[in-house]
Amino acid sequence: MTQPIKVIRNGCCSASIFENEIQKNGRMVKVTKVTVHKSFKNGQGWKTTNSFEINDLPKLFFVACKAYDYLTDKKNNQPN
């Protein structure tokens, strides 16, 4: 499994940023994707879900904004 290049957390919510290479029109292209999830603990240990309660939404918004900031800052600082 590919490891994320960056993980941003706020409480139980996190955003993981992945960078993959795909072939497009005969050339390799880097594609960046973000996954979000919520961690919780039950009787069987730690689990994750992509289902959020109303009180999770501000934390989800925060990690999504920080992921966006990270990616746009990274893109703007790349050499031409």
Protein backbone atom coordinates (compact mmCIF):
# COMPACT_ATOMS: atom_id res chain seq x y z
CA MET A 1 0.00 0.00 0.00
CA THR A 2 1.26 3.47 -0.85
CA GLN A 3 2.21 5.65 2.09
CA PRO A 4 0.79 9.18 2.29
CA ILE A 5 3.15 12.08 1.66
CA LYS A 6 1.37 14.08 4.37
CA VAL A 7 -1.23 13.40 7.08
CA ILE A 8 -3.15 16.25 8.71
CA ARG A 9 -5.10 15.57 11.90
CA ASN A 10 -7.60 17.43 14.02
CA GLY A 11 -9.10 15.38 16.82
CA CYS A 12 -10.69 12.26 15.38
CA CYS A 13 -10.58 13.51 11.77
CA SER A 14 -7.66 13.27 9.38
CA ALA A 15 -6.77 13.96 5.77
CA SER A 16 -4.11 11.85 4.06
CA ILE A 17 -2.45 13.14 0.90
CA PHE A 18 -1.23 10.58 -1.63
CA GLU A 19 0.83 11.06 -4.77
CA ASN A 20 0.60 8.40 -7.49
CA GLU A 21 1.90 8.10 -11.01
CA ILE A 22 -0.46 7.13 -13.81
CA GLN A 23 0.02 6.77 -17.52
CA LYS A 24 -1.90 9.35 -19.52
CA ASN A 25 -1.54 9.82 -23.27
CA GLY A 26 1.58 7.67 -23.29
CA ARG A 27 3.44 9.51 -20.51
CA MET A 28 3.68 9.19 -16.77
CA VAL A 29 1.82 11.89 -14.84
CA LYS A 30 1.75 12.51 -11.07
CA VAL A 31 -1.76 12.58 -9.61
CA THR A 32 -2.42 13.84 -6.10
CA LYS A 33 -5.43 12.60 -4.14
CA VAL A 34 -6.74 13.28 -0.64
CA THR A 35 -8.64 10.84 1.53
CA VAL A 36 -10.47 11.83 4.71
CA HIS A 37 -11.58 9.65 7.56
CA LYS A 38 -12.60 9.57 11.18
CA SER A 39 -10.93 7.33 13.77
CA PHE A 40 -12.83 5.85 16.68
CA LYS A 41 -12.31 3.16 19.28
CA ASN A 42 -14.80 0.41 20.02
CA GLY A 43 -14.59 -2.83 21.99
CA GLN A 44 -12.44 -4.39 19.26
CA GLY A 45 -9.85 -1.59 19.05
CA TRP A 46 -9.31 1.36 16.71
CA LYS A 47 -11.42 1.63 13.56
CA THR A 48 -11.86 4.19 10.78
CA THR A 49 -14.91 5.37 8.90
CA ASN A 50 -15.82 7.90 6.24
CA SER A 51 -19.11 8.67 7.98
CA PHE A 52 -19.17 11.91 9.98
CA GLU A 53 -21.46 13.27 12.67
CA ILE A 54 -22.50 16.92 12.79
CA ASN A 55 -19.88 17.74 15.45
CA ASP A 56 -17.13 16.20 13.25
CA LEU A 57 -17.79 18.59 10.37
CA PRO A 58 -15.72 21.55 11.70
CA LYS A 59 -12.75 19.18 12.20
CA LEU A 60 -13.30 17.73 8.73
CA PHE A 61 -13.44 21.24 7.26
CA PHE A 62 -10.20 22.14 9.05
CA VAL A 63 -8.23 19.13 7.77
CA ALA A 64 -9.61 19.60 4.25
CA CYS A 65 -8.57 23.28 4.24
CA LYS A 66 -5.09 22.42 5.55
CA ALA A 67 -4.71 19.74 2.86
CA TYR A 68 -5.71 22.30 0.23
CA ASP A 69 -3.24 24.82 1.68
CA TYR A 70 -0.46 22.21 1.66
CA LEU A 71 -1.13 21.22 -1.95
CA THR A 72 -1.49 24.73 -3.33
CA ASP A 73 1.61 25.92 -1.45
CA LYS A 74 3.56 22.92 -2.77
CA LYS A 75 2.35 23.59 -6.31
CA ASN A 76 3.18 27.30 -6.14
CA ASN A 77 6.71 26.58 -4.86
CA GLN A 78 7.65 24.06 -7.57
CA PRO A 79 10.33 25.22 -10.00
CA ASN A 80 9.09 25.96 -13.53
